[in-house]
Structure formats: structure tokens, C-alpha cells
Amino acid sequence: YLVRKGKIQQLTVDHSLVQQQIQSGLLAAADRARASHRHVLTRAVGVHPLVDVELGECPVLTGDILLLCSDGLTAGVSAETMLRVTLESPDPQAIARRLVALSNAAGGIDNVTVIVALVTQRHDGFWNRLYAHWFPPPS
């Protein structure tokens, strides 16, 4: 998730059977929480030697908050609550602890992982340097 200027935006989607059913119109998003197969993953690290990864790029601005979490958090904590908690404290560790506590209070039906990163200073040209490192021009 990206928190910017008081709004929260989901940046990725789950790689799960339920998410595939929602995207194909076989299941309504409102029925996600009640689906008996909601924890069936379609991609996972460590299951096969090769994993089809999804890469994306998200430009960040000074003041942005990045919230990386597992579905253990989103199963019991709404995006609105995640937004409120991230805006309540300037301490990323306190935000992460509070979100884990809320997930556990909501039943903690799954493992929960939360990482909070505050963008304190953005350096122009980072993506260009990273791209040049990964894909150097031909000699």
C-alpha cells in the first residue's frame, strides 16, 4: 500500500484463487472474506524452484508511507483502519506494532507480516541509476 496525502492506495493484488475468481467475475469482492478457499495461493516463494514474479515501479515522494503486509493483516483490518493508524504516528515501528495488534484482536486467523517505510528524502535519478546497474548499455 502507498499512503500519500491522507489517502491509501493498494499497489498489488493477492496471487490467490479467490482473487482470480474475483477478477474473472466468478466471485463478488464482497464474498472474499467468506470464501472457504480464500487462503489458496496461486504463487508462493519456496514451492517451486522458479517463481513467476510480478515487478512494478512506483515513484515515491518525500512524505510517502509504504506499507508492505501479508494477507494476515488485510483479512482482519480494513484499508481505512490501516490509513488511520499510519497517520496517527511518525514512528514506523509503532505503526507496525499497532497494525499487528489490530490484526490479532480481529481474530488473527493467519500469519501477519507488516513492514512500514517512511520516505524522508527522495533522491532524483535513483531509478535511472538502478536501471543502468541492472541493464548496462552495450559496450
N, C-alpha and C. Protein backbone atom coordinates (compact mmCIF):
# COMPACT_ATOMS: atom_id res chain seq x y z
N TYR A 1 0.84 -1.18 0.00
CA TYR A 1 0.00 0.00 0.00
C TYR A 1 0.88 1.24 0.00
N LEU A 2 0.39 2.29 -0.62
CA LEU A 2 1.03 3.59 -0.62
C LEU A 2 0.10 4.56 0.10
N VAL A 3 0.62 5.24 1.12
CA VAL A 3 -0.13 6.28 1.80
C VAL A 3 0.49 7.60 1.38
N ARG A 4 -0.33 8.44 0.75
CA ARG A 4 0.16 9.72 0.25
C ARG A 4 -0.97 10.76 0.42
N LYS A 5 -0.61 11.86 1.04
CA LYS A 5 -1.53 12.99 1.20
C LYS A 5 -2.87 12.55 1.79
N GLY A 6 -2.81 11.71 2.85
CA GLY A 6 -4.02 11.33 3.56
C GLY A 6 -4.89 10.29 2.88
N LYS A 7 -4.37 9.64 1.81
CA LYS A 7 -5.12 8.60 1.11
C LYS A 7 -4.29 7.34 1.04
N ILE A 8 -4.96 6.20 0.96
CA ILE A 8 -4.26 4.91 0.87
C ILE A 8 -4.62 4.26 -0.46
N GLN A 9 -3.61 3.69 -1.11
CA GLN A 9 -3.79 3.05 -2.40
C GLN A 9 -3.13 1.67 -2.38
N GLN A 10 -3.90 0.66 -2.72
CA GLN A 10 -3.35 -0.68 -2.83
C GLN A 10 -2.53 -0.76 -4.11
N LEU A 11 -1.29 -1.24 -4.02
CA LEU A 11 -0.40 -1.27 -5.17
C LEU A 11 -0.33 -2.65 -5.84
N THR A 12 -0.67 -3.68 -5.10
CA THR A 12 -0.58 -5.03 -5.65
C THR A 12 -1.88 -5.78 -5.36
N VAL A 13 -2.03 -6.92 -5.99
CA VAL A 13 -3.17 -7.80 -5.70
C VAL A 13 -2.62 -9.14 -5.22
N ASP A 14 -3.44 -9.83 -4.45
CA ASP A 14 -3.04 -11.16 -3.97
C ASP A 14 -2.98 -12.13 -5.14
N HIS A 15 -2.06 -13.04 -5.07
CA HIS A 15 -1.98 -14.12 -6.05
C HIS A 15 -2.64 -15.33 -5.39
N SER A 16 -3.97 -15.31 -5.44
CA SER A 16 -4.75 -16.36 -4.79
C SER A 16 -5.88 -16.80 -5.71
N LEU A 17 -6.44 -17.96 -5.40
CA LEU A 17 -7.55 -18.49 -6.17
C LEU A 17 -8.75 -17.55 -6.07
N VAL A 18 -9.02 -17.03 -4.89
CA VAL A 18 -10.15 -16.12 -4.70
C VAL A 18 -9.97 -14.86 -5.54
N GLN A 19 -8.77 -14.29 -5.54
CA GLN A 19 -8.53 -13.08 -6.33
C GLN A 19 -8.74 -13.36 -7.82
N GLN A 20 -8.30 -14.52 -8.29
CA GLN A 20 -8.52 -14.88 -9.69
C GLN A 20 -10.01 -14.99 -9.99
N GLN A 21 -10.78 -15.56 -9.05
CA GLN A 21 -12.22 -15.69 -9.24
C GLN A 21 -12.91 -14.33 -9.26
N ILE A 22 -12.43 -13.40 -8.42
CA ILE A 22 -12.99 -12.05 -8.41
C ILE A 22 -12.69 -11.35 -9.73
N GLN A 23 -11.45 -11.46 -10.19
CA GLN A 23 -11.06 -10.80 -11.44
C GLN A 23 -11.81 -11.37 -12.65
N SER A 24 -12.15 -12.64 -12.60
CA SER A 24 -12.86 -13.25 -13.74
C SER A 24 -14.38 -13.14 -13.60
N GLY A 25 -14.87 -12.56 -12.49
CA GLY A 25 -16.30 -12.36 -12.32
C GLY A 25 -17.04 -13.54 -11.73
N LEU A 26 -16.32 -14.57 -11.29
CA LEU A 26 -16.96 -15.75 -10.71
C LEU A 26 -17.34 -15.55 -9.24
N LEU A 27 -16.76 -14.55 -8.59
CA LEU A 27 -16.99 -14.31 -7.17
C LEU A 27 -17.03 -12.80 -6.96
N ALA A 28 -17.95 -12.36 -6.15
CA ALA A 28 -18.04 -10.93 -5.82
C ALA A 28 -17.00 -10.59 -4.77
N ALA A 29 -16.39 -9.42 -4.89
CA ALA A 29 -15.37 -9.00 -3.92
C ALA A 29 -15.92 -9.00 -2.50
N ALA A 30 -17.18 -8.71 -2.34
CA ALA A 30 -17.80 -8.69 -1.01
C ALA A 30 -17.84 -10.08 -0.37
N ASP A 31 -17.73 -11.12 -1.19
CA ASP A 31 -17.78 -12.50 -0.67
C ASP A 31 -16.40 -13.07 -0.36
N ARG A 32 -15.36 -12.27 -0.57
CA ARG A 32 -13.99 -12.73 -0.36
C ARG A 32 -13.78 -13.31 1.05
N ALA A 33 -14.21 -12.59 2.07
CA ALA A 33 -13.95 -13.00 3.45
C ALA A 33 -14.65 -14.30 3.82
N ARG A 34 -15.74 -14.63 3.13
CA ARG A 34 -16.50 -15.85 3.46
C ARG A 34 -16.09 -17.05 2.61
N ALA A 35 -15.25 -16.85 1.63
CA ALA A 35 -14.85 -17.95 0.74
C ALA A 35 -14.02 -18.97 1.51
N SER A 36 -14.42 -20.23 1.43
CA SER A 36 -13.71 -21.27 2.18
C SER A 36 -12.30 -21.51 1.65
N HIS A 37 -12.03 -21.16 0.42
CA HIS A 37 -10.73 -21.38 -0.22
C HIS A 37 -9.91 -20.09 -0.32
N ARG A 38 -10.17 -19.11 0.56
CA ARG A 38 -9.54 -17.79 0.46
C ARG A 38 -8.03 -17.82 0.68
N HIS A 39 -7.48 -18.88 1.26
CA HIS A 39 -6.04 -18.92 1.52
C HIS A 39 -5.28 -19.80 0.52
N VAL A 40 -5.94 -20.20 -0.55
CA VAL A 40 -5.28 -21.00 -1.58
C VAL A 40 -4.50 -20.04 -2.48
N LEU A 41 -3.17 -20.18 -2.45
CA LEU A 41 -2.29 -19.30 -3.22
C LEU A 41 -2.03 -19.86 -4.60
N THR A 42 -1.85 -18.96 -5.56
CA THR A 42 -1.50 -19.37 -6.91
C THR A 42 -0.02 -19.14 -7.20
N ARG A 43 0.64 -18.35 -6.35
CA ARG A 43 2.09 -18.13 -6.44
C ARG A 43 2.63 -18.06 -5.01
N ALA A 44 3.79 -18.68 -4.81
CA ALA A 44 4.41 -18.63 -3.50
C ALA A 44 5.90 -18.91 -3.63
N VAL A 45 6.69 -18.23 -2.83
CA VAL A 45 8.13 -18.44 -2.81
C VAL A 45 8.43 -19.73 -2.06
N GLY A 46 9.31 -20.56 -2.62
CA GLY A 46 9.75 -21.77 -1.94
C GLY A 46 9.00 -23.02 -2.33
N VAL A 47 7.95 -22.92 -3.12
CA VAL A 47 7.17 -24.09 -3.53
C VAL A 47 7.81 -24.75 -4.75
N HIS A 48 8.23 -23.93 -5.70
CA HIS A 48 8.87 -24.42 -6.92
C HIS A 48 10.21 -23.72 -7.07
N PRO A 49 11.15 -24.33 -7.81
CA PRO A 49 12.46 -23.69 -8.00
C PRO A 49 12.38 -22.32 -8.66
N LEU A 50 11.41 -22.15 -9.56
CA LEU A 50 11.24 -20.87 -10.24
C LEU A 50 9.87 -20.29 -9.88
N VAL A 51 9.84 -19.00 -9.67
CA VAL A 51 8.59 -18.32 -9.34
C VAL A 51 8.35 -17.21 -10.35
N ASP A 52 7.14 -17.13 -10.86
CA ASP A 52 6.76 -16.06 -11.76
C ASP A 52 6.52 -14.82 -10.89
N VAL A 53 7.44 -13.88 -10.93
CA VAL A 53 7.33 -12.70 -10.08
C VAL A 53 6.66 -11.57 -10.83
N GLU A 54 6.04 -10.70 -10.08
CA GLU A 54 5.41 -9.52 -10.65
C GLU A 54 6.25 -8.32 -10.25
N LEU A 55 6.72 -7.58 -11.24
CA LEU A 55 7.53 -6.40 -10.98
C LEU A 55 6.75 -5.16 -11.39
N GLY A 56 6.96 -4.11 -10.65
CA GLY A 56 6.32 -2.86 -10.98
C GLY A 56 7.17 -1.71 -10.48
N GLU A 57 6.79 -0.54 -10.86
CA GLU A 57 7.53 0.65 -10.46
C GLU A 57 6.54 1.64 -9.87
N CYS A 58 6.93 2.21 -8.76
CA CYS A 58 6.07 3.17 -8.09
C CYS A 58 6.92 4.35 -7.65
N PRO A 59 6.85 5.45 -8.34
CA PRO A 59 7.62 6.62 -7.91
C PRO A 59 7.13 7.07 -6.54
N VAL A 60 8.07 7.39 -5.68
CA VAL A 60 7.70 7.84 -4.33
C VAL A 60 8.09 9.29 -4.15
N LEU A 61 7.39 9.92 -3.23
CA LEU A 61 7.65 11.32 -2.90
C LEU A 61 8.00 11.44 -1.43
N THR A 62 8.74 12.47 -1.09
CA THR A 62 9.04 12.73 0.31
C THR A 62 7.72 12.84 1.07
N GLY A 63 7.62 12.13 2.17
CA GLY A 63 6.40 12.13 2.98
C GLY A 63 5.51 10.92 2.73
N ASP A 64 5.79 10.15 1.67
CA ASP A 64 5.01 8.94 1.42
C ASP A 64 5.28 7.91 2.49
N ILE A 65 4.32 7.04 2.70
CA ILE A 65 4.46 5.90 3.60
C ILE A 65 4.17 4.65 2.79
N LEU A 66 5.08 3.69 2.82
CA LEU A 66 4.87 2.41 2.16
C LEU A 66 4.55 1.38 3.23
N LEU A 67 3.48 0.65 3.02
CA LEU A 67 3.04 -0.38 3.96
C LEU A 67 3.06 -1.71 3.22
N LEU A 68 4.02 -2.55 3.57
CA LEU A 68 4.13 -3.87 2.98
C LEU A 68 3.55 -4.84 4.00
N CYS A 69 2.59 -5.65 3.56
CA CYS A 69 1.94 -6.54 4.53
C CYS A 69 1.47 -7.82 3.85
N SER A 70 1.25 -8.80 4.69
CA SER A 70 0.69 -10.07 4.20
C SER A 70 -0.82 -10.02 4.33
N ASP A 71 -1.48 -11.02 3.74
CA ASP A 71 -2.93 -11.06 3.83
C ASP A 71 -3.42 -11.34 5.25
N GLY A 72 -2.50 -11.71 6.12
CA GLY A 72 -2.87 -11.86 7.52
C GLY A 72 -3.32 -10.54 8.14
N LEU A 73 -2.81 -9.44 7.62
CA LEU A 73 -3.26 -8.13 8.09
C LEU A 73 -4.57 -7.74 7.42
N THR A 74 -4.62 -7.85 6.11
CA THR A 74 -5.79 -7.37 5.38
C THR A 74 -7.03 -8.23 5.61
N ALA A 75 -6.86 -9.45 6.11
CA ALA A 75 -8.02 -10.30 6.40
C ALA A 75 -8.86 -9.73 7.54
N GLY A 76 -8.23 -9.00 8.46
CA GLY A 76 -8.98 -8.51 9.61
C GLY A 76 -8.96 -7.01 9.82
N VAL A 77 -8.15 -6.31 9.04
CA VAL A 77 -8.01 -4.87 9.22
C VAL A 77 -8.30 -4.19 7.89
N SER A 78 -9.25 -3.28 7.88
CA SER A 78 -9.64 -2.60 6.64
C SER A 78 -8.59 -1.60 6.21
N ALA A 79 -8.64 -1.23 4.93
CA ALA A 79 -7.73 -0.22 4.40
C ALA A 79 -7.93 1.11 5.11
N GLU A 80 -9.17 1.43 5.46
CA GLU A 80 -9.44 2.68 6.17
C GLU A 80 -8.76 2.69 7.54
N THR A 81 -8.78 1.55 8.23
CA THR A 81 -8.13 1.45 9.54
C THR A 81 -6.61 1.52 9.37
N MET A 82 -6.08 0.85 8.34
CA MET A 82 -4.64 0.92 8.09
C MET A 82 -4.22 2.36 7.84
N LEU A 83 -5.01 3.10 7.08
CA LEU A 83 -4.72 4.51 6.82
C LEU A 83 -4.72 5.32 8.12
N ARG A 84 -5.76 5.15 8.93
CA ARG A 84 -5.85 5.90 10.18
C ARG A 84 -4.65 5.64 11.08
N VAL A 85 -4.26 4.38 11.20
CA VAL A 85 -3.13 4.02 12.07
C VAL A 85 -1.82 4.60 11.53
N THR A 86 -1.63 4.55 10.22
CA THR A 86 -0.37 5.08 9.66
C THR A 86 -0.27 6.58 9.86
N LEU A 87 -1.39 7.26 9.90
CA LEU A 87 -1.37 8.71 10.07
C LEU A 87 -1.31 9.15 11.53
N GLU A 88 -1.50 8.21 12.47
CA GLU A 88 -1.51 8.55 13.90
C GLU A 88 -0.12 8.71 14.50
N SER A 89 0.90 8.13 13.87
CA SER A 89 2.23 8.13 14.48
C SER A 89 3.31 8.35 13.43
N PRO A 90 4.38 9.06 13.79
CA PRO A 90 5.50 9.22 12.87
C PRO A 90 6.52 8.07 12.98
N ASP A 91 6.27 7.12 13.88
CA ASP A 91 7.20 6.02 14.17
C ASP A 91 6.79 4.76 13.42
N PRO A 92 7.56 4.33 12.41
CA PRO A 92 7.19 3.15 11.63
C PRO A 92 7.04 1.89 12.48
N GLN A 93 7.90 1.73 13.49
CA GLN A 93 7.81 0.54 14.36
C GLN A 93 6.50 0.56 15.15
N ALA A 94 6.11 1.72 15.65
CA ALA A 94 4.85 1.83 16.39
C ALA A 94 3.65 1.54 15.49
N ILE A 95 3.72 2.01 14.26
CA ILE A 95 2.64 1.75 13.30
C ILE A 95 2.53 0.25 13.05
N ALA A 96 3.65 -0.41 12.78
CA ALA A 96 3.66 -1.85 12.51
C ALA A 96 3.13 -2.62 13.70
N ARG A 97 3.57 -2.29 14.90
CA ARG A 97 3.09 -3.00 16.10
C ARG A 97 1.59 -2.82 16.28
N ARG A 98 1.10 -1.60 16.07
CA ARG A 98 -0.33 -1.33 16.23
C ARG A 98 -1.15 -2.12 15.21
N LEU A 99 -0.68 -2.19 13.98
CA LEU A 99 -1.40 -2.93 12.96
C LEU A 99 -1.43 -4.43 13.26
N VAL A 100 -0.31 -4.98 13.74
CA VAL A 100 -0.28 -6.40 14.12
C VAL A 100 -1.24 -6.64 15.28
N ALA A 101 -1.25 -5.73 16.26
CA ALA A 101 -2.16 -5.87 17.41
C ALA A 101 -3.62 -5.84 16.95
N LEU A 102 -3.95 -4.96 16.01
CA LEU A 102 -5.32 -4.90 15.50
C LEU A 102 -5.69 -6.18 14.74
N SER A 103 -4.74 -6.73 13.99
CA SER A 103 -4.99 -7.97 13.28
C SER A 103 -5.25 -9.11 14.27
N ASN A 104 -4.43 -9.17 15.31
CA ASN A 104 -4.63 -10.20 16.33
C ASN A 104 -5.96 -10.03 17.05
N ALA A 105 -6.34 -8.79 17.35
CA ALA A 105 -7.61 -8.51 18.01
C ALA A 105 -8.80 -8.89 17.14
N ALA A 106 -8.60 -8.85 15.83
CA ALA A 106 -9.67 -9.21 14.89
C ALA A 106 -9.78 -10.72 14.70
N GLY A 107 -8.98 -11.47 15.41
CA GLY A 107 -9.05 -12.92 15.32
C GLY A 107 -7.75 -13.57 14.92
N GLY A 108 -6.86 -12.82 14.29
CA GLY A 108 -5.54 -13.34 13.93
C GLY A 108 -5.59 -14.71 13.29
N ILE A 109 -6.44 -14.86 12.25
CA ILE A 109 -6.63 -16.18 11.66
C ILE A 109 -5.49 -16.64 10.77
N ASP A 110 -4.54 -15.77 10.49
CA ASP A 110 -3.43 -16.10 9.59
C ASP A 110 -2.17 -15.42 10.11
N ASN A 111 -1.02 -15.87 9.64
CA ASN A 111 0.22 -15.18 9.98
C ASN A 111 0.14 -13.76 9.46
N VAL A 112 0.71 -12.82 10.22
CA VAL A 112 0.66 -11.43 9.80
C VAL A 112 2.07 -10.87 9.76
N THR A 113 2.38 -10.20 8.66
CA THR A 113 3.66 -9.53 8.49
C THR A 113 3.38 -8.09 8.10
N VAL A 114 4.06 -7.15 8.75
CA VAL A 114 3.87 -5.74 8.45
C VAL A 114 5.24 -5.05 8.44
N ILE A 115 5.52 -4.33 7.38
CA ILE A 115 6.72 -3.51 7.27
C ILE A 115 6.26 -2.11 6.87
N VAL A 116 6.72 -1.11 7.61
CA VAL A 116 6.35 0.27 7.33
C VAL A 116 7.61 1.05 6.99
N ALA A 117 7.59 1.75 5.86
CA ALA A 117 8.72 2.57 5.43
C ALA A 117 8.24 3.99 5.20
N LEU A 118 8.91 4.94 5.84
CA LEU A 118 8.61 6.34 5.64
C LEU A 118 9.63 6.93 4.69
N VAL A 119 9.18 7.60 3.66
CA VAL A 119 10.09 8.23 2.70
C VAL A 119 10.43 9.62 3.25
N THR A 120 11.66 9.76 3.73
CA THR A 120 12.06 11.02 4.34
C THR A 120 12.79 11.94 3.38
N GLN A 121 13.40 11.35 2.35
CA GLN A 121 14.09 12.16 1.36
C GLN A 121 14.17 11.38 0.07
N ARG A 122 13.70 11.97 -0.98
CA ARG A 122 13.73 11.33 -2.29
C ARG A 122 14.88 11.92 -3.08
N HIS A 123 15.68 11.04 -3.67
CA HIS A 123 16.80 11.47 -4.50
C HIS A 123 16.42 11.30 -5.96
N ASP A 124 16.46 12.35 -6.70
CA ASP A 124 16.17 12.26 -8.13
C ASP A 124 17.20 11.38 -8.81
N GLY A 125 16.74 10.62 -9.75
CA GLY A 125 17.64 9.80 -10.54
C GLY A 125 17.89 8.41 -10.00
N PHE A 126 17.29 8.03 -8.89
CA PHE A 126 17.54 6.70 -8.31
C PHE A 126 17.16 5.60 -9.29
N TRP A 127 15.95 5.69 -9.87
CA TRP A 127 15.51 4.64 -10.79
C TRP A 127 16.41 4.58 -12.02
N ASN A 128 16.88 5.72 -12.47
CA ASN A 128 17.80 5.72 -13.61
C ASN A 128 19.10 5.01 -13.25
N ARG A 129 19.64 5.27 -12.07
CA ARG A 129 20.87 4.59 -11.64
C ARG A 129 20.63 3.09 -11.46
N LEU A 130 19.49 2.73 -10.89
CA LEU A 130 19.18 1.32 -10.68
C LEU A 130 19.02 0.60 -12.02
N TYR A 131 18.30 1.22 -12.94
CA TYR A 131 18.10 0.65 -14.27
C TYR A 131 19.44 0.46 -14.98
N ALA A 132 20.31 1.46 -14.89
CA ALA A 132 21.62 1.38 -15.53
C ALA A 132 22.47 0.27 -14.91
N HIS A 133 22.28 0.04 -13.61
CA HIS A 133 23.02 -1.03 -12.94
C HIS A 133 22.56 -2.39 -13.42
N TRP A 134 21.23 -2.57 -13.53
CA TRP A 134 20.67 -3.85 -13.96
C TRP A 134 20.80 -4.08 -15.45
N PHE A 135 20.71 -3.02 -16.25
CA PHE A 135 20.74 -3.15 -17.70
C PHE A 135 21.77 -2.19 -18.28
N PRO A 136 23.04 -2.50 -18.08
CA PRO A 136 24.07 -1.58 -18.59
C PRO A 136 24.02 -1.49 -20.11
N PRO A 137 24.37 -0.31 -20.63
CA PRO A 137 24.37 -0.16 -22.10
C PRO A 137 25.40 -1.10 -22.71
N PRO A 138 25.14 -1.57 -23.93
CA PRO A 138 26.12 -2.46 -24.59
C PRO A 138 27.45 -1.76 -24.79
N SER A 139 28.52 -2.54 -24.64
CA SER A 139 29.86 -1.96 -24.80
C SER A 139 30.24 -1.85 -26.24
